[in-house]
Amino acid sequence: MNTIKKEAIDIIAKLPDDASIEDIMYKLYVLDKVKKGQEDIKSGNFVTSDELRKEIELW
């Protein structure tokens, strides 16, 4: 299993040499959100697509 530091380094290494600090920050932001989403799924903290459709119909 990769550590978050290793994953961040790998993501940054794949960016082009002329990547801006904003590009790097965005990629790390996305990595963070994906990790948090995966943790939520593992803990059962999510809404099914059917539940979401029903909720949207109430809007």
PDB file of N, CA and C in Angstrom:
ATOM      1  N   MET A   1       0.849  -1.179   0.000  1.00  0.00           N
ATOM      2  CA  MET A   1       0.000   0.000   0.000  1.00  0.00           C
ATOM      3  C   MET A   1       0.896   1.244   0.000  1.00  0.00           C
ATOM      4  N   ASN A   2       0.568   2.151  -0.868  1.00  0.00           N
ATOM      5  CA  ASN A   2       1.321   3.405  -0.952  1.00  0.00           C
ATOM      6  C   ASN A   2       0.904   4.354   0.161  1.00  0.00           C
ATOM      7  N   THR A   3       1.857   5.113   0.645  1.00  0.00           N
ATOM      8  CA  THR A   3       1.531   6.165   1.595  1.00  0.00           C
ATOM      9  C   THR A   3       1.016   7.363   0.801  1.00  0.00           C
ATOM     10  N   ILE A   4       0.329   8.253   1.478  1.00  0.00           N
ATOM     11  CA  ILE A   4      -0.193   9.446   0.816  1.00  0.00           C
ATOM     12  C   ILE A   4       0.949  10.283   0.253  1.00  0.00           C
ATOM     13  N   LYS A   5       2.071  10.301   0.958  1.00  0.00           N
ATOM     14  CA  LYS A   5       3.232  11.053   0.476  1.00  0.00           C
ATOM     15  C   LYS A   5       3.722  10.467  -0.851  1.00  0.00           C
ATOM     16  N   LYS A   6       3.809   9.152  -0.933  1.00  0.00           N
ATOM     17  CA  LYS A   6       4.258   8.485  -2.161  1.00  0.00           C
ATOM     18  C   LYS A   6       3.274   8.765  -3.299  1.00  0.00           C
ATOM     19  N   GLU A   7       1.987   8.704  -3.011  1.00  0.00           N
ATOM     20  CA  GLU A   7       0.982   8.979  -4.038  1.00  0.00           C
ATOM     21  C   GLU A   7       1.089  10.420  -4.535  1.00  0.00           C
ATOM     22  N   ALA A   8       1.303  11.359  -3.621  1.00  0.00           N
ATOM     23  CA  ALA A   8       1.434  12.767  -4.012  1.00  0.00           C
ATOM     24  C   ALA A   8       2.665  12.956  -4.891  1.00  0.00           C
ATOM     25  N   ILE A   9       3.770  12.343  -4.507  1.00  0.00           N
ATOM     26  CA  ILE A   9       4.997  12.452  -5.293  1.00  0.00           C
ATOM     27  C   ILE A   9       4.788  11.862  -6.685  1.00  0.00           C
ATOM     28  N   ASP A  10       4.120  10.722  -6.760  1.00  0.00           N
ATOM     29  CA  ASP A  10       3.851  10.088  -8.060  1.00  0.00           C
ATOM     30  C   ASP A  10       2.988  10.978  -8.951  1.00  0.00           C
ATOM     31  N   ILE A  11       1.974  11.589  -8.361  1.00  0.00           N
ATOM     32  CA  ILE A  11       1.096  12.473  -9.131  1.00  0.00           C
ATOM     33  C   ILE A  11       1.869  13.677  -9.654  1.00  0.00           C
ATOM     34  N   ILE A  12       2.661  14.279  -8.781  1.00  0.00           N
ATOM     35  CA  ILE A  12       3.441  15.455  -9.186  1.00  0.00           C
ATOM     36  C   ILE A  12       4.462  15.075 -10.256  1.00  0.00           C
ATOM     37  N   ALA A  13       5.074  13.908 -10.116  1.00  0.00           N
ATOM     38  CA  ALA A  13       6.082  13.472 -11.084  1.00  0.00           C
ATOM     39  C   ALA A  13       5.492  13.282 -12.480  1.00  0.00           C
ATOM     40  N   LYS A  14       4.217  12.957 -12.556  1.00  0.00           N
ATOM     41  CA  LYS A  14       3.562  12.734 -13.853  1.00  0.00           C
ATOM     42  C   LYS A  14       3.163  14.034 -14.551  1.00  0.00           C
ATOM     43  N   LEU A  15       3.194  15.144 -13.827  1.00  0.00           N
ATOM     44  CA  LEU A  15       2.845  16.430 -14.422  1.00  0.00           C
ATOM     45  C   LEU A  15       3.975  16.905 -15.334  1.00  0.00           C
ATOM     46  N   PRO A  16       3.641  17.705 -16.335  1.00  0.00           N
ATOM     47  CA  PRO A  16       4.702  18.244 -17.192  1.00  0.00           C
ATOM     48  C   PRO A  16       5.620  19.187 -16.415  1.00  0.00           C
ATOM     49  N   ASP A  17       6.824  19.362 -16.906  1.00  0.00           N
ATOM     50  CA  ASP A  17       7.808  20.204 -16.216  1.00  0.00           C
ATOM     51  C   ASP A  17       7.353  21.652 -16.066  1.00  0.00           C
ATOM     52  N   ASP A  18       6.478  22.092 -16.954  1.00  0.00           N
ATOM     53  CA  ASP A  18       6.022  23.482 -16.874  1.00  0.00           C
ATOM     54  C   ASP A  18       4.706  23.629 -16.099  1.00  0.00           C
ATOM     55  N   ALA A  19       4.349  22.609 -15.309  1.00  0.00           N
ATOM     56  CA  ALA A  19       3.115  22.678 -14.519  1.00  0.00           C
ATOM     57  C   ALA A  19       3.220  23.815 -13.503  1.00  0.00           C
ATOM     58  N   SER A  20       2.125  24.512 -13.328  1.00  0.00           N
ATOM     59  CA  SER A  20       2.094  25.622 -12.374  1.00  0.00           C
ATOM     60  C   SER A  20       1.806  25.090 -10.971  1.00  0.00           C
ATOM     61  N   ILE A  21       2.010  25.935  -9.991  1.00  0.00           N
ATOM     62  CA  ILE A  21       1.692  25.569  -8.612  1.00  0.00           C
ATOM     63  C   ILE A  21       0.193  25.295  -8.479  1.00  0.00           C
ATOM     64  N   GLU A  22      -0.612  26.013  -9.263  1.00  0.00           N
ATOM     65  CA  GLU A  22      -2.057  25.771  -9.249  1.00  0.00           C
ATOM     66  C   GLU A  22      -2.382  24.383  -9.778  1.00  0.00           C
ATOM     67  N   ASP A  23      -1.659  23.943 -10.826  1.00  0.00           N
ATOM     68  CA  ASP A  23      -1.861  22.591 -11.364  1.00  0.00           C
ATOM     69  C   ASP A  23      -1.555  21.544 -10.293  1.00  0.00           C
ATOM     70  N   ILE A  24      -0.456  21.739  -9.607  1.00  0.00           N
ATOM     71  CA  ILE A  24      -0.045  20.804  -8.557  1.00  0.00           C
ATOM     72  C   ILE A  24      -1.068  20.788  -7.425  1.00  0.00           C
ATOM     73  N   MET A  25      -1.485  21.966  -6.998  1.00  0.00           N
ATOM     74  CA  MET A  25      -2.449  22.055  -5.909  1.00  0.00           C
ATOM     75  C   MET A  25      -3.774  21.408  -6.292  1.00  0.00           C
ATOM     76  N   TYR A  26      -4.201  21.592  -7.541  1.00  0.00           N
ATOM     77  CA  TYR A  26      -5.453  20.990  -7.992  1.00  0.00           C
ATOM     78  C   TYR A  26      -5.362  19.467  -7.966  1.00  0.00           C
ATOM     79  N   LYS A  27      -4.272  18.929  -8.468  1.00  0.00           N
ATOM     80  CA  LYS A  27      -4.102  17.470  -8.481  1.00  0.00           C
ATOM     81  C   LYS A  27      -4.106  16.913  -7.055  1.00  0.00           C
ATOM     82  N   LEU A  28      -3.438  17.603  -6.137  1.00  0.00           N
ATOM     83  CA  LEU A  28      -3.414  17.147  -4.748  1.00  0.00           C
ATOM     84  C   LEU A  28      -4.789  17.285  -4.097  1.00  0.00           C
ATOM     85  N   TYR A  29      -5.517  18.332  -4.453  1.00  0.00           N
ATOM     86  CA  TYR A  29      -6.887  18.519  -3.965  1.00  0.00           C
ATOM     87  C   TYR A  29      -7.777  17.355  -4.410  1.00  0.00           C
ATOM     88  N   VAL A  30      -7.667  16.998  -5.686  1.00  0.00           N
ATOM     89  CA  VAL A  30      -8.466  15.891  -6.212  1.00  0.00           C
ATOM     90  C   VAL A  30      -8.089  14.583  -5.513  1.00  0.00           C
ATOM     91  N   LEU A  31      -6.794  14.353  -5.322  1.00  0.00           N
ATOM     92  CA  LEU A  31      -6.350  13.154  -4.610  1.00  0.00           C
ATOM     93  C   LEU A  31      -6.976  13.102  -3.220  1.00  0.00           C
ATOM     94  N   ASP A  32      -6.973  14.217  -2.512  1.00  0.00           N
ATOM     95  CA  ASP A  32      -7.561  14.282  -1.176  1.00  0.00           C
ATOM     96  C   ASP A  32      -9.048  13.945  -1.206  1.00  0.00           C
ATOM     97  N   LYS A  33      -9.772  14.515  -2.163  1.00  0.00           N
ATOM     98  CA  LYS A  33     -11.215  14.277  -2.235  1.00  0.00           C
ATOM     99  C   LYS A  33     -11.526  12.828  -2.586  1.00  0.00           C
ATOM    100  N   VAL A  34     -10.741  12.239  -3.471  1.00  0.00           N
ATOM    101  CA  VAL A  34     -10.941  10.828  -3.832  1.00  0.00           C
ATOM    102  C   VAL A  34     -10.685   9.941  -2.619  1.00  0.00           C
ATOM    103  N   LYS A  35      -9.608  10.215  -1.892  1.00  0.00           N
ATOM    104  CA  LYS A  35      -9.300   9.432  -0.691  1.00  0.00           C
ATOM    105  C   LYS A  35     -10.426   9.541   0.334  1.00  0.00           C
ATOM    106  N   LYS A  36     -10.928  10.742   0.551  1.00  0.00           N
ATOM    107  CA  LYS A  36     -12.020  10.931   1.512  1.00  0.00           C
ATOM    108  C   LYS A  36     -13.282  10.211   1.054  1.00  0.00           C
ATOM    109  N   GLY A  37     -13.542  10.233  -0.247  1.00  0.00           N
ATOM    110  CA  GLY A  37     -14.691   9.518  -0.785  1.00  0.00           C
ATOM    111  C   GLY A  37     -14.566   8.018  -0.592  1.00  0.00           C
ATOM    112  N   GLN A  38     -13.379   7.493  -0.814  1.00  0.00           N
ATOM    113  CA  GLN A  38     -13.148   6.067  -0.603  1.00  0.00           C
ATOM    114  C   GLN A  38     -13.340   5.684   0.858  1.00  0.00           C
ATOM    115  N   GLU A  39     -12.884   6.538   1.753  1.00  0.00           N
ATOM    116  CA  GLU A  39     -13.070   6.285   3.189  1.00  0.00           C
ATOM    117  C   GLU A  39     -14.552   6.287   3.549  1.00  0.00           C
ATOM    118  N   ASP A  40     -15.302   7.240   2.977  1.00  0.00           N
ATOM    119  CA  ASP A  40     -16.747   7.293   3.240  1.00  0.00           C
ATOM    120  C   ASP A  40     -17.438   6.024   2.761  1.00  0.00           C
ATOM    121  N   ILE A  41     -17.063   5.552   1.596  1.00  0.00           N
ATOM    122  CA  ILE A  41     -17.677   4.330   1.061  1.00  0.00           C
ATOM    123  C   ILE A  41     -17.382   3.153   1.976  1.00  0.00           C
ATOM    124  N   LYS A  42     -16.139   3.024   2.417  1.00  0.00           N
ATOM    125  CA  LYS A  42     -15.766   1.922   3.306  1.00  0.00           C
ATOM    126  C   LYS A  42     -16.543   1.965   4.615  1.00  0.00           C
ATOM    127  N   SER A  43     -16.835   3.167   5.109  1.00  0.00           N
ATOM    128  CA  SER A  43     -17.553   3.297   6.378  1.00  0.00           C
ATOM    129  C   SER A  43     -19.078   3.291   6.203  1.00  0.00           C
ATOM    130  N   GLY A  44     -19.531   3.154   4.960  1.00  0.00           N
ATOM    131  CA  GLY A  44     -20.970   3.096   4.710  1.00  0.00           C
ATOM    132  C   GLY A  44     -21.641   4.450   4.662  1.00  0.00           C
ATOM    133  N   ASN A  45     -20.873   5.505   4.570  1.00  0.00           N
ATOM    134  CA  ASN A  45     -21.405   6.860   4.566  1.00  0.00           C
ATOM    135  C   ASN A  45     -21.603   7.335   3.128  1.00  0.00           C
ATOM    136  N   PHE A  46     -22.682   6.872   2.496  1.00  0.00           N
ATOM    137  CA  PHE A  46     -22.969   7.265   1.128  1.00  0.00           C
ATOM    138  C   PHE A  46     -24.459   7.111   0.849  1.00  0.00           C
ATOM    139  N   VAL A  47     -24.899   7.646  -0.261  1.00  0.00           N
ATOM    140  CA  VAL A  47     -26.290   7.575  -0.695  1.00  0.00           C
ATOM    141  C   VAL A  47     -26.304   6.841  -2.030  1.00  0.00           C
ATOM    142  N   THR A  48     -27.223   5.888  -2.178  1.00  0.00           N
ATOM    143  CA  THR A  48     -27.318   5.168  -3.443  1.00  0.00           C
ATOM    144  C   THR A  48     -27.911   6.084  -4.511  1.00  0.00           C
ATOM    145  N   SER A  49     -27.729   5.710  -5.759  1.00  0.00           N
ATOM    146  CA  SER A  49     -28.269   6.530  -6.845  1.00  0.00           C
ATOM    147  C   SER A  49     -29.794   6.568  -6.789  1.00  0.00           C
ATOM    148  N   ASP A  50     -30.428   5.482  -6.381  1.00  0.00           N
ATOM    149  CA  ASP A  50     -31.889   5.476  -6.251  1.00  0.00           C
ATOM    150  C   ASP A  50     -32.346   6.430  -5.147  1.00  0.00           C
ATOM    151  N   GLU A  51     -31.632   6.433  -4.025  1.00  0.00           N
ATOM    152  CA  GLU A  51     -31.964   7.348  -2.935  1.00  0.00           C
ATOM    153  C   GLU A  51     -31.779   8.796  -3.378  1.00  0.00           C
ATOM    154  N   LEU A  52     -30.744   9.047  -4.128  1.00  0.00           N
ATOM    155  CA  LEU A  52     -30.486  10.398  -4.615  1.00  0.00           C
ATOM    156  C   LEU A  52     -31.569  10.858  -5.583  1.00  0.00           C
ATOM    157  N   ARG A  53     -31.989   9.966  -6.470  1.00  0.00           N
ATOM    158  CA  ARG A  53     -33.070  10.318  -7.412  1.00  0.00           C
ATOM    159  C   ARG A  53     -34.351  10.694  -6.659  1.00  0.00           C
ATOM    160  N   LYS A  54     -34.693   9.916  -5.636  1.00  0.00           N
ATOM    161  CA  LYS A  54     -35.886  10.209  -4.840  1.00  0.00           C
ATOM    162  C   LYS A  54     -35.753  11.556  -4.134  1.00  0.00           C
ATOM    163  N   GLU A  55     -34.559  11.833  -3.631  1.00  0.00           N
ATOM    164  CA  GLU A  55     -34.336  13.109  -2.954  1.00  0.00           C
ATOM    165  C   GLU A  55     -34.454  14.279  -3.928  1.00  0.00           C
ATOM    166  N   ILE A  56     -33.911  14.129  -5.116  1.00  0.00           N
ATOM    167  CA  ILE A  56     -33.976  15.185  -6.119  1.00  0.00           C
ATOM    168  C   ILE A  56     -35.416  15.453  -6.540  1.00  0.00           C
ATOM    169  N   GLU A  57     -36.225  14.418  -6.610  1.00  0.00           N
ATOM    170  CA  GLU A  57     -37.629  14.593  -6.978  1.00  0.00           C
ATOM    171  C   GLU A  57     -38.382  15.471  -5.968  1.00  0.00           C
ATOM    172  N   LEU A  58     -37.894  15.526  -4.757  1.00  0.00           N
ATOM    173  CA  LEU A  58     -38.547  16.324  -3.709  1.00  0.00           C
ATOM    174  C   LEU A  58     -38.178  17.803  -3.795  1.00  0.00           C
ATOM    175  N   TRP A  59     -37.191  18.145  -4.599  1.00  0.00           N
ATOM    176  CA  TRP A  59     -36.762  19.534  -4.707  1.00  0.00           C
ATOM    177  C   TRP A  59     -37.796  20.340  -5.362  1.00  0.00           C
TER     178      TRP A  59
END
